Structure formats: structure tokens, C-alpha cells
């Protein structure tokens, strides 16, 4: 099994960045658009290329704190805040909800 990780993603990101930038700039001049497309097509990291070499940062797992969010209500946090974080409404619910039974990370508790 070959582990490609992000190598397959990089050309796709470069192509989408090219198309999005040229489209967003909205230049009507065809030679200018062609020139920009040529610049964007240069391999990332190469001199004169639009995109630099990709950089990846290792992210390590955070340490969970002992108390759960519900335990912080009335002491460190207000009851109303803990309830509001647990009952996020709308399309962003899955991204921003912080349930009362979840443990915050240690660095969050310390902050």
C-alpha cells in the first residue's frame, strides 16, 4: 500500500488556486489572463511561481482536563454560557457545539 498523504492534494490545490485567483481578479485582457495562468502553472516553490513549497506542521494531541464543561458552570463559567455552548443552533452546530459533558483541553481550562 502506498502512503501518499498530501501529495495527491497539492496539484489539486494549486490548480484551484490558479482558477479562483484569475476568475476573482476578473481581467478581460486575454494575454494577461494567459500570462497569469502560465505563472500559476509553474511548479510550487520554483522561482517566480505563485505558490511556495507546501509547509506542514505537526500537530500533537492535546491533554484533556479533568472536569467536564457542566462541572465548570457556576464556578469558572456561568451556567448560561455553558448552556449556550451546548445548544448551538443552525448549520454550524456540528462545528461549534461544545457539549456540557465534554472535557475541555488542559490549555483551555488554564486560559
Protein backbone atom coordinates (compact mmCIF):
# COMPACT_ATOMS: atom_id res chain seq x y z
CA UNK A 1 0.00 0.00 0.00
CA UNK A 2 1.37 3.39 -0.99
CA UNK A 3 1.03 6.22 1.54
CA UNK A 4 0.62 9.40 -0.47
CA UNK A 5 -0.81 11.59 2.31
CA UNK A 6 -1.00 15.13 0.89
CA UNK A 7 0.97 14.59 -2.34
CA UNK A 8 -2.21 13.97 -4.34
CA UNK A 9 -3.86 17.04 -2.83
CA UNK A 10 -1.13 19.56 -3.72
CA UNK A 11 -1.69 19.66 -7.51
CA UNK A 12 -5.43 20.00 -6.96
CA UNK A 13 -4.94 22.90 -4.55
CA UNK A 14 -2.54 24.62 -6.96
CA UNK A 15 -4.99 24.26 -9.87
CA UNK A 16 -7.93 25.54 -7.83
CA UNK A 17 -5.90 28.49 -6.54
CA UNK A 18 -5.00 29.38 -10.12
CA UNK A 19 -8.58 29.22 -11.40
CA UNK A 20 -10.01 31.05 -8.39
CA UNK A 21 -7.48 33.89 -8.46
CA UNK A 22 -7.74 34.51 -12.19
CA UNK A 23 -11.52 34.35 -12.06
CA UNK A 24 -11.74 36.58 -8.98
CA UNK A 25 -9.45 39.23 -10.48
CA UNK A 26 -11.80 39.40 -13.47
CA UNK A 27 -9.27 40.58 -16.06
CA UNK A 28 -10.83 40.79 -19.52
CA UNK A 29 -7.45 41.06 -21.26
CA UNK A 30 -6.82 37.62 -22.78
CA UNK A 31 -2.98 37.89 -22.97
CA UNK A 32 -2.87 38.95 -19.32
CA UNK A 33 -5.08 36.04 -18.28
CA UNK A 34 -2.87 33.68 -20.29
CA UNK A 35 0.26 35.08 -18.63
CA UNK A 36 -1.26 34.70 -15.16
CA UNK A 37 -2.25 31.12 -15.96
CA UNK A 38 1.35 30.42 -17.02
CA UNK A 39 2.67 31.88 -13.76
CA UNK A 40 0.21 29.80 -11.76
CA UNK A 41 1.20 26.67 -13.70
CA UNK A 42 4.82 26.91 -12.59
CA UNK A 43 5.60 24.20 -10.05
CA UNK A 44 5.15 25.43 -6.50
CA UNK A 45 8.36 26.51 -4.86
CA UNK A 46 10.03 27.29 -8.18
CA UNK A 47 11.39 30.81 -8.73
CA UNK A 48 8.61 33.07 -10.00
CA UNK A 49 5.88 30.61 -9.05
CA UNK A 50 2.73 31.89 -7.41
CA UNK A 51 2.72 29.23 -4.70
CA UNK A 52 5.62 28.44 -2.39
CA UNK A 53 6.67 24.98 -1.29
CA UNK A 54 4.00 23.47 0.94
CA UNK A 55 4.69 23.55 4.65
CA UNK A 56 3.16 21.11 7.10
CA UNK A 57 3.21 21.50 10.83
CA UNK A 58 2.96 18.51 13.12
CA UNK A 59 0.04 18.75 15.50
CA UNK A 60 0.15 16.70 18.64
CA UNK A 61 -2.82 15.60 20.69
CA UNK A 62 -3.89 17.96 23.43
CA UNK A 63 -4.22 16.79 27.03
CA UNK A 64 -7.80 16.71 28.32
CA UNK A 65 -8.56 18.47 31.61
CA UNK A 66 -10.27 16.61 34.45
CA UNK A 67 -13.62 18.47 34.75
CA UNK A 68 -16.34 18.43 32.14
CA UNK A 69 -17.92 21.65 30.87
CA UNK A 70 -21.02 21.10 33.01
CA UNK A 71 -18.83 20.97 36.13
CA UNK A 72 -17.48 24.44 35.32
CA UNK A 73 -20.95 26.02 35.30
CA UNK A 74 -21.43 28.30 38.28
CA UNK A 75 -17.75 28.44 39.16
CA UNK A 76 -15.33 29.22 36.33
CA UNK A 77 -18.07 29.74 33.72
CA UNK A 78 -21.63 30.96 34.05
CA UNK A 79 -24.45 28.45 33.73
CA UNK A 80 -25.85 30.48 30.85
CA UNK A 81 -22.56 30.30 28.90
CA UNK A 82 -22.25 26.52 29.34
CA UNK A 83 -25.86 26.10 28.15
CA UNK A 84 -25.30 28.39 25.15
CA UNK A 85 -22.19 26.47 24.11
CA UNK A 86 -24.10 23.18 24.37
CA UNK A 87 -27.15 24.36 22.42
CA UNK A 88 -25.69 25.92 19.27
CA UNK A 89 -28.36 26.31 16.60
CA UNK A 90 -28.28 26.22 12.81
CA UNK A 91 -25.90 24.96 10.17
CA UNK A 92 -22.78 25.44 12.29
CA UNK A 93 -23.99 23.25 15.14
CA UNK A 94 -21.57 20.40 14.45
CA UNK A 95 -18.59 22.75 14.11
CA UNK A 96 -19.17 24.96 17.16
CA UNK A 97 -21.14 22.96 19.72
CA UNK A 98 -19.27 22.29 22.96
CA UNK A 99 -21.43 19.79 24.88
CA UNK A 100 -21.76 20.06 28.66
CA UNK A 101 -20.37 16.51 29.04
CA UNK A 102 -17.19 17.18 27.04
CA UNK A 103 -13.87 17.73 28.77
CA UNK A 104 -12.07 20.89 27.70
CA UNK A 105 -8.38 20.60 26.97
CA UNK A 106 -5.98 21.48 29.78
CA UNK A 107 -4.67 24.57 27.98
CA UNK A 108 -8.26 25.81 27.52
CA UNK A 109 -9.02 25.38 31.20
CA UNK A 110 -5.82 27.17 32.17
CA UNK A 111 -6.56 30.08 29.81
